[in-house]
Amino acid sequence: MKIIAFPELRAFGIGFSRVHLRRLIANGDFPEPVRLSPRRIGWIADEIEAFLARHAAERSGPPSRSTSEADAA
């Protein structure tokens, strides 16, 4: 089992702040971390990958274009 520390979440494309992550966890919208020590937490990699896969599957249609891309077209 691989554990992911907070700074490593960015490598998975998750750039949420600690405060926002706490909100998502409290709402049940993000996997619960595991306590590694009194001052350290981490996430199980499989649960993070499942979270990302679930959100990718929930997309409807192609990704939206940014304003600059729309202006260039």
C-alpha atoms as a PDB file:
ATOM      1  CA  MET A   1       0.000   0.000   0.000  1.00  0.00           C
ATOM      2  CA  LYS A   2       1.392   3.390  -1.001  1.00  0.00           C
ATOM      3  CA  ILE A   3       0.724   6.447   1.157  1.00  0.00           C
ATOM      4  CA  ILE A   4       0.647   9.919  -0.378  1.00  0.00           C
ATOM      5  CA  ALA A   5       1.669  12.933   1.703  1.00  0.00           C
ATOM      6  CA  PHE A   6      -0.031  16.307   1.225  1.00  0.00           C
ATOM      7  CA  PRO A   7       2.737  17.806  -0.970  1.00  0.00           C
ATOM      8  CA  GLU A   8       2.603  14.737  -3.247  1.00  0.00           C
ATOM      9  CA  LEU A   9      -1.086  15.322  -4.060  1.00  0.00           C
ATOM     10  CA  ARG A  10       0.008  17.939  -6.603  1.00  0.00           C
ATOM     11  CA  ALA A  11       1.677  15.194  -8.660  1.00  0.00           C
ATOM     12  CA  PHE A  12      -1.813  13.666  -8.994  1.00  0.00           C
ATOM     13  CA  GLY A  13      -3.198  17.004 -10.195  1.00  0.00           C
ATOM     14  CA  ILE A  14      -4.811  17.856  -6.865  1.00  0.00           C
ATOM     15  CA  GLY A  15      -3.817  21.384  -5.918  1.00  0.00           C
ATOM     16  CA  PHE A  16      -6.392  22.037  -3.193  1.00  0.00           C
ATOM     17  CA  SER A  17      -5.360  23.932  -0.082  1.00  0.00           C
ATOM     18  CA  ARG A  18      -5.365  22.151   3.272  1.00  0.00           C
ATOM     19  CA  VAL A  19      -8.461  24.104   4.315  1.00  0.00           C
ATOM     20  CA  HIS A  20     -10.372  23.149   1.179  1.00  0.00           C
ATOM     21  CA  LEU A  21      -9.352  19.505   1.580  1.00  0.00           C
ATOM     22  CA  ARG A  22     -10.697  19.536   5.141  1.00  0.00           C
ATOM     23  CA  ARG A  23     -14.022  20.844   3.827  1.00  0.00           C
ATOM     24  CA  LEU A  24     -14.195  18.178   1.121  1.00  0.00           C
ATOM     25  CA  ILE A  25     -13.337  15.429   3.615  1.00  0.00           C
ATOM     26  CA  ALA A  26     -15.961  16.701   6.085  1.00  0.00           C
ATOM     27  CA  ASN A  27     -18.577  16.611   3.305  1.00  0.00           C
ATOM     28  CA  GLY A  28     -17.527  13.107   2.249  1.00  0.00           C
ATOM     29  CA  ASP A  29     -16.314  14.402  -1.120  1.00  0.00           C
ATOM     30  CA  PHE A  30     -12.643  13.414  -0.716  1.00  0.00           C
ATOM     31  CA  PRO A  31     -11.031  10.302   0.764  1.00  0.00           C
ATOM     32  CA  GLU A  32     -10.293  10.332   4.493  1.00  0.00           C
ATOM     33  CA  PRO A  33      -6.596  10.558   5.326  1.00  0.00           C
ATOM     34  CA  VAL A  34      -4.850   8.059   7.568  1.00  0.00           C
ATOM     35  CA  ARG A  35      -3.012   9.287  10.656  1.00  0.00           C
ATOM     36  CA  LEU A  36       0.684   8.415  10.361  1.00  0.00           C
ATOM     37  CA  SER A  37       1.795  10.171  13.537  1.00  0.00           C
ATOM     38  CA  PRO A  38       0.338  12.838  15.847  1.00  0.00           C
ATOM     39  CA  ARG A  39       1.297  15.557  13.349  1.00  0.00           C
ATOM     40  CA  ARG A  40       1.311  13.742  10.013  1.00  0.00           C
ATOM     41  CA  ILE A  41      -1.405  12.404   7.715  1.00  0.00           C
ATOM     42  CA  GLY A  42      -1.417  10.777   4.310  1.00  0.00           C
ATOM     43  CA  TRP A  43      -3.816   9.301   1.796  1.00  0.00           C
ATOM     44  CA  ILE A  44      -3.960   5.809   0.365  1.00  0.00           C
ATOM     45  CA  ALA A  45      -2.904   6.074  -3.282  1.00  0.00           C
ATOM     46  CA  ASP A  46      -5.603   3.660  -4.517  1.00  0.00           C
ATOM     47  CA  GLU A  47      -8.307   5.824  -2.910  1.00  0.00           C
ATOM     48  CA  ILE A  48      -6.924   8.987  -4.529  1.00  0.00           C
ATOM     49  CA  GLU A  49      -6.806   7.259  -7.922  1.00  0.00           C
ATOM     50  CA  ALA A  50     -10.409   6.050  -7.447  1.00  0.00           C
ATOM     51  CA  PHE A  51     -11.457   9.621  -6.536  1.00  0.00           C
ATOM     52  CA  LEU A  52      -9.873  10.941  -9.744  1.00  0.00           C
ATOM     53  CA  ALA A  53     -11.380   8.152 -11.867  1.00  0.00           C
ATOM     54  CA  ARG A  54     -14.836   8.820 -10.405  1.00  0.00           C
ATOM     55  CA  HIS A  55     -14.602  12.526 -11.243  1.00  0.00           C
ATOM     56  CA  ALA A  56     -13.321  11.797 -14.749  1.00  0.00           C
ATOM     57  CA  ALA A  57     -16.268   9.436 -15.325  1.00  0.00           C
ATOM     58  CA  GLU A  58     -18.734  12.104 -14.121  1.00  0.00           C
ATOM     59  CA  ARG A  59     -17.693  14.564 -16.812  1.00  0.00           C
ATOM     60  CA  SER A  60     -20.280  15.281 -19.437  1.00  0.00           C
ATOM     61  CA  GLY A  61     -19.069  16.248 -22.870  1.00  0.00           C
ATOM     62  CA  PRO A  62     -15.728  17.656 -23.900  1.00  0.00           C
ATOM     63  CA  PRO A  63     -13.791  19.944 -21.565  1.00  0.00           C
ATOM     64  CA  SER A  64     -14.756  23.592 -21.868  1.00  0.00           C
ATOM     65  CA  ARG A  65     -12.433  25.965 -23.684  1.00  0.00           C
ATOM     66  CA  SER A  66     -10.907  28.906 -21.883  1.00  0.00           C
ATOM     67  CA  THR A  67     -11.782  32.435 -22.978  1.00  0.00           C
ATOM     68  CA  SER A  68      -8.407  32.915 -24.665  1.00  0.00           C
ATOM     69  CA  GLU A  69      -8.861  29.691 -26.675  1.00  0.00           C
ATOM     70  CA  ALA A  70     -12.361  30.782 -27.711  1.00  0.00           C
ATOM     71  CA  ASP A  71     -11.052  34.203 -28.792  1.00  0.00           C
ATOM     72  CA  ALA A  72      -8.308  32.581 -30.874  1.00  0.00           C
ATOM     73  CA  ALA A  73     -10.799  30.350 -32.749  1.00  0.00           C
END
